[in-house]
Amino acid sequence: MLWTEIGMLCTTVVLVFITVSATVINYLFFRSQTDPEVIVYASLDERRPSVVILVIENIGRGLAKNITFASSKPIPQKAFGLGDDAPTPRTMDYGPIINGIPSLGPHSKRIITWGQYGGLKKGIGDEIIDITVTFRSDRMFGLGQHSHKVVCPIDIKSFAGTDAADYNWDKKTADHLEKIAKTLENVSSGFRSLKIQLTQEKKSIE
């Protein structure tokens, strides 16, 4: 009889543990599907290959509110210049990282033109800047708010050897212009024909 009761007690404890664990897992999964996640990262500007941008993005699925930022070191601002003779940039003193963001919806961004490799290298060297992002989100059924904190390391050293660190954009531009000039010269000399086709859309009136 005693062993039967002990067995039943152990079974009950195991079932309670499984139920609690499943509830916690389901809650965490639900949170991952509804919570915001605001991060900061550095990236190349696709439209301006030598320019590095800072991106503030909500990669989560919920609305982030009262977003503030704190950095472990001063962040340079408008750090332009490609070579070693780039001027030392000033410290960031305005913009969303300084002033904060009232709210940021899912997959929304703020993009900051940060600078170029030479200027940023002059500003932070090989150091890593940790940007701590703090924000809030609403709980279920309006029961208060959650607090969130994300630490995002950013650097410029990892851009060495990329387009951002390529100092020859003037030469590349000149090469492209030279190719365009040769193409136009071939067209004008009759070496290569240039065909332009105009089409007219006919509209019927019913």
Protein backbone atom coordinates (compact mmCIF):
# COMPACT_ATOMS: atom_id res chain seq x y z
CA MET A 1 0.00 0.00 0.00
CA LEU A 2 2.81 2.41 0.90
CA TRP A 3 4.69 1.74 -2.31
CA THR A 4 1.51 2.26 -4.30
CA GLU A 5 0.98 5.68 -2.72
CA ILE A 6 4.61 6.60 -3.32
CA GLY A 7 4.28 5.57 -6.96
CA MET A 8 1.11 7.61 -7.38
CA LEU A 9 2.80 10.63 -5.75
CA CYS A 10 5.81 10.33 -8.08
CA THR A 11 3.51 10.03 -11.08
CA THR A 12 1.60 13.13 -9.99
CA VAL A 13 4.81 15.10 -9.50
CA VAL A 14 6.04 14.09 -12.96
CA LEU A 15 2.72 15.06 -14.56
CA VAL A 16 2.74 18.42 -12.80
CA PHE A 17 6.32 19.02 -13.95
CA ILE A 18 5.42 18.14 -17.56
CA THR A 19 2.35 20.39 -17.45
CA VAL A 20 4.28 23.34 -16.05
CA SER A 21 7.11 22.83 -18.54
CA ALA A 22 4.67 22.68 -21.46
CA THR A 23 2.95 25.84 -20.23
CA VAL A 24 6.25 27.69 -19.94
CA ILE A 25 7.37 26.54 -23.40
CA ASN A 26 4.05 27.58 -24.94
CA TYR A 27 4.28 30.96 -23.22
CA LEU A 28 7.84 31.56 -24.41
CA PHE A 29 6.87 30.52 -27.95
CA PHE A 30 3.92 32.91 -27.86
CA ARG A 31 6.19 35.68 -26.61
CA SER A 32 8.64 35.03 -29.44
CA GLN A 33 5.79 35.43 -31.93
CA THR A 34 4.44 38.65 -30.47
CA ASP A 35 7.32 40.52 -28.77
CA PRO A 36 9.32 43.25 -30.51
CA GLU A 37 13.09 42.92 -30.93
CA VAL A 38 14.94 46.16 -31.66
CA ILE A 39 18.57 45.87 -32.78
CA VAL A 40 21.28 48.18 -34.13
CA TYR A 41 23.77 47.08 -36.77
CA ALA A 42 26.21 48.53 -39.32
CA SER A 43 25.81 47.77 -43.01
CA LEU A 44 26.93 48.94 -46.45
CA ASP A 45 24.62 51.30 -48.30
CA GLU A 46 23.64 49.50 -51.52
CA ARG A 47 23.14 52.82 -53.33
CA ARG A 48 26.46 54.29 -52.14
CA PRO A 49 28.97 51.41 -51.94
CA SER A 50 31.62 53.31 -49.97
CA VAL A 51 29.15 54.51 -47.32
CA VAL A 52 28.48 52.62 -44.09
CA ILE A 53 25.07 53.06 -42.49
CA LEU A 54 23.73 52.38 -39.01
CA VAL A 55 20.39 50.60 -39.06
CA ILE A 56 17.94 50.55 -36.16
CA GLU A 57 15.42 47.80 -36.93
CA ASN A 58 12.57 46.07 -35.14
CA ILE A 59 13.00 42.48 -36.29
CA GLY A 60 10.24 41.25 -33.97
CA ARG A 61 6.50 40.99 -34.52
CA GLY A 62 5.25 43.46 -31.94
CA LEU A 63 5.26 47.21 -31.43
CA ALA A 64 8.28 48.53 -29.50
CA LYS A 65 7.70 51.63 -27.37
CA ASN A 66 9.89 54.16 -25.55
CA ILE A 67 13.10 53.04 -27.26
CA THR A 68 16.31 54.46 -25.80
CA PHE A 69 19.98 53.82 -26.51
CA ALA A 70 23.18 53.85 -24.46
CA SER A 71 26.69 53.24 -25.83
CA SER A 72 29.82 51.94 -24.15
CA LYS A 73 31.96 54.50 -26.04
CA PRO A 74 31.29 57.72 -27.96
CA ILE A 75 29.81 57.06 -31.39
CA PRO A 76 31.23 59.07 -34.31
CA GLN A 77 28.91 60.98 -36.59
CA LYS A 78 29.22 61.80 -40.31
CA ALA A 79 32.67 60.19 -40.37
CA PHE A 80 33.51 60.74 -44.03
CA GLY A 81 36.84 60.03 -45.71
CA LEU A 82 38.32 56.94 -47.34
CA GLY A 83 42.07 57.08 -46.72
CA ASP A 84 44.32 57.32 -43.71
CA ASP A 85 44.20 61.11 -43.97
CA ALA A 86 40.47 61.21 -43.24
CA PRO A 87 39.54 63.89 -40.69
CA THR A 88 38.70 62.88 -37.14
CA PRO A 89 34.90 62.83 -36.91
CA ARG A 90 32.91 64.55 -34.21
CA THR A 91 30.89 62.66 -31.62
CA MET A 92 27.26 61.90 -32.42
CA ASP A 93 25.06 64.53 -30.79
CA TYR A 94 21.71 64.23 -32.58
CA GLY A 95 19.51 61.67 -34.27
CA PRO A 96 17.45 58.69 -33.08
CA ILE A 97 20.28 57.09 -31.07
CA ILE A 98 20.64 60.30 -29.06
CA ASN A 99 16.99 61.35 -28.87
CA GLY A 100 15.35 57.92 -28.72
CA ILE A 101 12.33 56.65 -30.66
CA PRO A 102 8.76 56.82 -29.27
CA SER A 103 7.64 53.68 -31.14
CA LEU A 104 8.79 51.34 -33.89
CA GLY A 105 6.48 48.90 -35.61
CA PRO A 106 7.35 45.38 -36.77
CA HIS A 107 10.06 45.38 -39.48
CA SER A 108 10.32 49.17 -39.32
CA LYS A 109 13.72 50.87 -39.58
CA ARG A 110 15.62 54.06 -38.97
CA ILE A 111 18.70 54.43 -41.19
CA ILE A 112 21.59 56.72 -40.29
CA THR A 113 24.33 57.67 -42.77
CA TRP A 114 27.25 56.82 -40.51
CA GLY A 115 30.25 57.60 -42.73
CA GLN A 116 33.03 55.96 -44.72
CA TYR A 117 35.68 53.45 -43.76
CA GLY A 118 38.56 55.91 -43.35
CA GLY A 119 36.59 58.36 -41.23
CA LEU A 120 35.06 55.65 -39.05
CA LYS A 121 38.44 53.95 -38.64
CA LYS A 122 39.82 57.30 -37.48
CA GLY A 123 36.90 57.66 -35.07
CA ILE A 124 36.79 54.23 -33.38
CA GLY A 125 39.83 52.30 -34.65
CA ASP A 126 39.60 48.56 -34.03
CA GLU A 127 37.37 48.94 -30.99
CA ILE A 128 33.87 47.53 -30.59
CA ILE A 129 31.07 49.81 -29.41
CA ASP A 130 28.28 48.12 -27.46
CA ILE A 131 24.97 49.86 -28.02
CA THR A 132 22.38 48.88 -25.41
CA VAL A 133 18.81 49.16 -26.67
CA THR A 134 16.07 49.44 -24.05
CA PHE A 135 12.39 49.37 -24.96
CA ARG A 136 8.97 48.30 -23.76
CA SER A 137 6.03 46.33 -25.12
CA ASP A 138 2.45 45.78 -23.98
CA ARG A 139 1.52 42.66 -22.05
CA MET A 140 -1.43 40.47 -22.97
CA PHE A 141 -4.90 41.82 -22.22
CA GLY A 142 -3.44 45.23 -21.37
CA LEU A 143 -1.89 44.01 -18.12
CA GLY A 144 1.03 46.44 -17.97
CA GLN A 145 4.20 46.36 -20.07
CA HIS A 146 7.29 44.20 -20.57
CA SER A 147 10.77 45.72 -20.39
CA HIS A 148 13.38 44.57 -22.91
CA LYS A 149 17.12 45.12 -23.24
CA VAL A 150 19.34 44.12 -26.16
CA VAL A 151 23.11 44.70 -26.42
CA CYS A 152 24.34 45.20 -30.01
CA PRO A 153 28.11 45.29 -30.72
CA ILE A 154 29.12 47.40 -33.74
CA ASP A 155 32.55 47.94 -35.29
CA ILE A 156 34.29 49.09 -38.46
CA LYS A 157 37.23 46.66 -38.42
CA SER A 158 35.13 43.89 -39.98
CA PHE A 159 34.58 46.09 -43.07
CA ALA A 160 38.29 45.87 -44.00
CA GLY A 161 38.64 44.25 -47.42
CA THR A 162 35.07 45.12 -48.43
CA ASP A 163 33.69 47.78 -50.77
CA ALA A 164 33.55 50.21 -47.87
CA ALA A 165 37.36 50.09 -47.57
CA ASP A 166 38.02 50.34 -51.33
CA TYR A 167 39.66 53.72 -51.99
CA ASN A 168 39.45 53.50 -55.79
CA TRP A 169 35.90 54.63 -56.41
CA ASP A 170 37.08 57.63 -58.42
CA LYS A 171 39.04 55.29 -60.71
CA LYS A 172 36.07 52.93 -61.02
CA THR A 173 33.82 55.83 -61.97
CA ALA A 174 36.34 56.99 -64.54
CA ASP A 175 36.55 53.45 -66.01
CA HIS A 176 32.78 53.26 -66.35
CA LEU A 177 32.64 56.67 -68.02
CA GLU A 178 35.38 55.58 -70.42
CA LYS A 179 33.40 52.48 -71.39
CA ILE A 180 30.30 54.60 -72.00
CA ALA A 181 32.32 57.02 -74.13
CA LYS A 182 33.75 54.16 -76.25
CA THR A 183 30.28 52.71 -76.76
CA LEU A 184 28.91 56.05 -77.93
CA GLU A 185 31.94 56.52 -80.20
CA ASN A 186 31.34 53.12 -81.81
CA VAL A 187 27.68 53.98 -82.35
CA SER A 188 28.48 57.33 -83.95
CA SER A 189 31.14 55.81 -86.24
CA GLY A 190 28.80 53.13 -87.54
CA PHE A 191 30.80 50.29 -85.99
CA ARG A 192 27.80 49.31 -83.89
CA SER A 193 24.24 50.20 -84.70
CA LEU A 194 21.95 51.74 -82.17
CA LYS A 195 18.38 50.59 -82.51
CA ILE A 196 15.59 52.59 -80.94
CA GLN A 197 12.07 51.28 -81.25
CA LEU A 198 9.07 53.43 -80.50
CA THR A 199 5.72 51.84 -79.85
CA GLN A 200 2.35 53.54 -79.77
CA GLU A 201 -0.49 52.13 -77.77
CA LYS A 202 -3.78 52.13 -79.60
CA LYS A 203 -6.81 52.75 -77.48
CA SER A 204 -10.28 51.89 -78.63
CA ILE A 205 -13.24 53.94 -77.54
CA GLU A 206 -16.27 51.89 -76.72
